[in-house]
N, C-alpha and C. Protein backbone atom coordinates (compact mmCIF):
# COMPACT_ATOMS: atom_id res chain seq x y z
N MET A 1 0.82 -1.19 0.00
CA MET A 1 0.00 0.00 0.00
C MET A 1 0.87 1.26 0.00
N ILE A 2 0.37 2.26 -0.65
CA ILE A 2 1.06 3.54 -0.75
C ILE A 2 0.49 4.50 0.28
N ASP A 3 1.37 5.18 1.02
CA ASP A 3 0.93 6.20 1.96
C ASP A 3 0.77 7.53 1.22
N ILE A 4 -0.28 8.26 1.59
CA ILE A 4 -0.48 9.60 1.05
C ILE A 4 -0.73 10.56 2.21
N ASN A 5 -0.71 11.85 1.91
CA ASN A 5 -0.97 12.86 2.93
C ASN A 5 -2.42 13.30 2.84
N TYR A 6 -3.05 13.42 4.00
CA TYR A 6 -4.40 13.92 4.11
C TYR A 6 -4.35 15.25 4.85
N LYS A 7 -5.00 16.27 4.29
CA LYS A 7 -5.14 17.55 4.97
C LYS A 7 -6.54 17.56 5.56
N VAL A 8 -6.62 17.63 6.88
CA VAL A 8 -7.90 17.60 7.58
C VAL A 8 -8.08 18.93 8.29
N ILE A 9 -9.23 19.56 8.06
CA ILE A 9 -9.57 20.82 8.73
C ILE A 9 -10.86 20.59 9.50
N ILE A 10 -10.82 20.91 10.78
CA ILE A 10 -12.00 20.77 11.63
C ILE A 10 -12.36 22.16 12.16
N GLU A 11 -13.60 22.54 11.93
CA GLU A 11 -14.11 23.81 12.44
C GLU A 11 -15.22 23.51 13.44
N THR A 12 -15.12 24.13 14.60
CA THR A 12 -16.17 23.96 15.60
C THR A 12 -17.15 25.11 15.48
N GLY A 13 -18.33 24.92 15.97
CA GLY A 13 -19.37 25.94 15.89
C GLY A 13 -19.57 26.64 17.22
N GLU A 14 -20.82 26.70 17.62
CA GLU A 14 -21.21 27.40 18.84
C GLU A 14 -20.70 26.74 20.11
N SER A 15 -20.36 25.47 20.03
CA SER A 15 -19.89 24.76 21.22
C SER A 15 -18.51 24.18 20.96
N GLY A 16 -17.65 24.32 21.94
CA GLY A 16 -16.38 23.62 21.90
C GLY A 16 -16.56 22.27 22.56
N ILE A 17 -15.49 21.51 22.61
CA ILE A 17 -15.58 20.20 23.25
C ILE A 17 -14.26 19.88 23.93
N ASP A 18 -14.34 19.37 25.13
CA ASP A 18 -13.15 18.93 25.86
C ASP A 18 -13.10 17.41 25.75
N ALA A 19 -12.42 16.93 24.72
CA ALA A 19 -12.40 15.50 24.45
C ALA A 19 -11.15 15.13 23.67
N ASN A 20 -10.80 13.87 23.74
CA ASN A 20 -9.80 13.31 22.83
C ASN A 20 -10.55 12.93 21.56
N VAL A 21 -10.04 13.37 20.41
CA VAL A 21 -10.73 13.15 19.15
C VAL A 21 -9.94 12.17 18.29
N ILE A 22 -10.64 11.16 17.78
CA ILE A 22 -10.06 10.13 16.91
C ILE A 22 -10.76 10.22 15.56
N LEU A 23 -9.99 10.13 14.47
CA LEU A 23 -10.54 10.20 13.12
C LEU A 23 -10.12 8.97 12.33
N CYS A 24 -11.05 8.39 11.60
CA CYS A 24 -10.78 7.27 10.70
C CYS A 24 -11.43 7.59 9.36
N ILE A 25 -10.71 7.35 8.26
CA ILE A 25 -11.20 7.67 6.92
C ILE A 25 -11.51 6.37 6.19
N TYR A 26 -12.73 6.27 5.66
CA TYR A 26 -13.18 5.08 4.93
C TYR A 26 -13.32 5.42 3.45
N GLY A 27 -12.73 4.59 2.61
CA GLY A 27 -12.81 4.81 1.18
C GLY A 27 -13.33 3.60 0.44
N ASP A 28 -13.35 3.70 -0.88
CA ASP A 28 -13.86 2.58 -1.67
C ASP A 28 -12.83 1.46 -1.84
N ARG A 29 -11.57 1.70 -1.43
CA ARG A 29 -10.55 0.65 -1.53
C ARG A 29 -10.00 0.18 -0.19
N ASP A 30 -10.06 1.05 0.83
CA ASP A 30 -9.44 0.68 2.10
C ASP A 30 -9.90 1.65 3.19
N THR A 31 -9.36 1.46 4.39
CA THR A 31 -9.67 2.29 5.55
C THR A 31 -8.37 2.63 6.26
N THR A 32 -8.25 3.88 6.71
CA THR A 32 -7.04 4.27 7.44
C THR A 32 -7.07 3.70 8.85
N LYS A 33 -5.94 3.82 9.52
CA LYS A 33 -5.89 3.54 10.95
C LYS A 33 -6.63 4.66 11.67
N ASN A 34 -6.83 4.52 12.95
CA ASN A 34 -7.40 5.59 13.75
C ASN A 34 -6.32 6.63 14.01
N PHE A 35 -6.60 7.87 13.64
CA PHE A 35 -5.68 8.98 13.89
C PHE A 35 -6.13 9.73 15.13
N ALA A 36 -5.27 9.85 16.12
CA ALA A 36 -5.55 10.67 17.30
C ALA A 36 -5.21 12.11 16.94
N LEU A 37 -6.20 12.98 16.98
CA LEU A 37 -6.00 14.39 16.60
C LEU A 37 -5.56 15.17 17.84
N ARG A 38 -4.28 15.09 18.13
CA ARG A 38 -3.73 15.73 19.34
C ARG A 38 -2.88 16.95 19.02
N ILE A 39 -2.10 16.86 17.95
CA ILE A 39 -1.17 17.93 17.58
C ILE A 39 -1.58 18.48 16.21
N THR A 40 -1.74 19.79 16.12
CA THR A 40 -2.15 20.42 14.87
C THR A 40 -0.97 20.55 13.90
N LYS A 41 -1.29 20.99 12.70
CA LYS A 41 -0.28 21.17 11.65
C LYS A 41 0.86 22.08 12.11
N ASP A 42 0.55 23.10 12.90
CA ASP A 42 1.59 24.04 13.35
C ASP A 42 2.30 23.59 14.62
N GLY A 43 2.01 22.37 15.09
CA GLY A 43 2.73 21.80 16.23
C GLY A 43 2.14 22.13 17.59
N THR A 44 0.98 22.75 17.64
CA THR A 44 0.36 23.08 18.93
C THR A 44 -0.61 21.98 19.35
N GLN A 45 -0.88 21.96 20.64
CA GLN A 45 -1.85 21.01 21.20
C GLN A 45 -3.24 21.35 20.67
N ALA A 46 -3.96 20.36 20.20
CA ALA A 46 -5.30 20.58 19.65
C ALA A 46 -6.29 20.94 20.76
N GLN A 47 -6.91 22.08 20.63
CA GLN A 47 -7.95 22.54 21.55
C GLN A 47 -9.20 22.80 20.72
N PHE A 48 -10.22 22.01 20.92
CA PHE A 48 -11.44 22.13 20.13
C PHE A 48 -12.39 23.11 20.82
N ASP A 49 -11.96 24.37 20.87
CA ASP A 49 -12.73 25.41 21.53
C ASP A 49 -13.83 25.93 20.61
N LYS A 50 -14.74 26.69 21.18
CA LYS A 50 -15.83 27.32 20.45
C LYS A 50 -15.27 28.18 19.31
N HIS A 51 -15.83 28.04 18.13
CA HIS A 51 -15.45 28.80 16.93
C HIS A 51 -13.97 28.65 16.58
N SER A 52 -13.42 27.46 16.71
CA SER A 52 -12.01 27.26 16.36
C SER A 52 -11.90 26.56 15.00
N ARG A 53 -10.75 26.72 14.39
CA ARG A 53 -10.43 26.07 13.11
C ARG A 53 -9.07 25.42 13.27
N LEU A 54 -9.03 24.10 13.20
CA LEU A 54 -7.79 23.35 13.41
C LEU A 54 -7.43 22.59 12.14
N GLU A 55 -6.15 22.65 11.77
CA GLU A 55 -5.66 21.91 10.61
C GLU A 55 -4.71 20.81 11.06
N PHE A 56 -4.84 19.66 10.42
CA PHE A 56 -4.00 18.51 10.70
C PHE A 56 -3.45 17.96 9.39
N ASP A 57 -2.17 17.60 9.38
CA ASP A 57 -1.57 16.88 8.26
C ASP A 57 -1.38 15.44 8.72
N LEU A 58 -2.08 14.52 8.06
CA LEU A 58 -2.03 13.11 8.44
C LEU A 58 -1.47 12.30 7.29
N LYS A 59 -0.70 11.28 7.60
CA LYS A 59 -0.16 10.40 6.58
C LYS A 59 -0.71 9.00 6.82
N GLY A 60 -1.31 8.44 5.77
CA GLY A 60 -1.91 7.12 5.89
C GLY A 60 -2.08 6.47 4.54
N ILE A 61 -2.61 5.27 4.55
CA ILE A 61 -2.78 4.53 3.31
C ILE A 61 -3.79 5.23 2.41
N ASP A 62 -3.63 5.03 1.12
CA ASP A 62 -4.55 5.59 0.14
C ASP A 62 -5.83 4.77 0.16
N VAL A 63 -6.93 5.40 0.56
CA VAL A 63 -8.21 4.69 0.67
C VAL A 63 -9.02 4.75 -0.62
N GLY A 64 -8.49 5.43 -1.63
CA GLY A 64 -9.25 5.63 -2.86
C GLY A 64 -10.18 6.80 -2.69
N ASN A 65 -11.36 6.72 -3.29
CA ASN A 65 -12.36 7.77 -3.12
C ASN A 65 -12.92 7.69 -1.71
N VAL A 66 -12.90 8.82 -1.01
CA VAL A 66 -13.37 8.85 0.37
C VAL A 66 -14.89 8.72 0.39
N ASN A 67 -15.38 7.75 1.15
CA ASN A 67 -16.82 7.54 1.30
C ASN A 67 -17.37 8.26 2.53
N TYR A 68 -16.67 8.13 3.66
CA TYR A 68 -17.11 8.80 4.88
C TYR A 68 -16.00 8.80 5.91
N PHE A 69 -16.23 9.58 6.97
CA PHE A 69 -15.31 9.70 8.10
C PHE A 69 -16.01 9.17 9.34
N LEU A 70 -15.23 8.59 10.22
CA LEU A 70 -15.73 8.23 11.55
C LEU A 70 -14.97 9.09 12.54
N ILE A 71 -15.70 9.83 13.35
CA ILE A 71 -15.09 10.66 14.39
C ILE A 71 -15.53 10.11 15.73
N ILE A 72 -14.57 9.79 16.57
CA ILE A 72 -14.83 9.24 17.89
C ILE A 72 -14.38 10.26 18.92
N LEU A 73 -15.25 10.56 19.87
CA LEU A 73 -14.93 11.50 20.93
C LEU A 73 -14.84 10.74 22.25
N HIS A 74 -13.72 10.88 22.91
CA HIS A 74 -13.54 10.34 24.26
C HIS A 74 -13.72 11.52 25.21
N ILE A 75 -14.93 11.63 25.73
CA ILE A 75 -15.29 12.78 26.55
C ILE A 75 -15.10 12.47 28.02
N LYS A 76 -14.54 13.43 28.73
CA LYS A 76 -14.37 13.29 30.17
C LYS A 76 -15.60 13.88 30.86
N ILE A 77 -16.29 13.05 31.61
CA ILE A 77 -17.47 13.48 32.34
C ILE A 77 -17.21 13.28 33.82
N ARG A 78 -17.49 14.33 34.57
CA ARG A 78 -17.32 14.23 36.02
C ARG A 78 -18.69 14.30 36.69
N PHE A 79 -18.90 13.40 37.60
CA PHE A 79 -20.15 13.36 38.35
C PHE A 79 -19.86 13.67 39.82
N SER A 80 -20.79 14.33 40.43
CA SER A 80 -20.68 14.60 41.85
C SER A 80 -21.98 14.16 42.51
N PHE A 81 -21.86 13.27 43.47
CA PHE A 81 -23.04 12.80 44.19
C PHE A 81 -22.94 13.29 45.63
N ASN A 82 -23.79 14.21 45.96
CA ASN A 82 -23.79 14.76 47.33
C ASN A 82 -25.06 14.40 48.05
């Protein structure tokens, strides 16, 4: 398999999110590994804040024509029982 570069841009809207974000790309020929979106293209820590625009350069197998993306959010939830 040949590796290619994927340019991924994520824009958040009215709500930000405090989560670890995983991206997987599905195509007509193959599927990428799960990419942890932790470090942006410019080398900073990814913060998915309200109204943010984050760019990522990812390298993975050529999936052919992209059919869809799977985005997984690992959200930290804290509960308090008093």
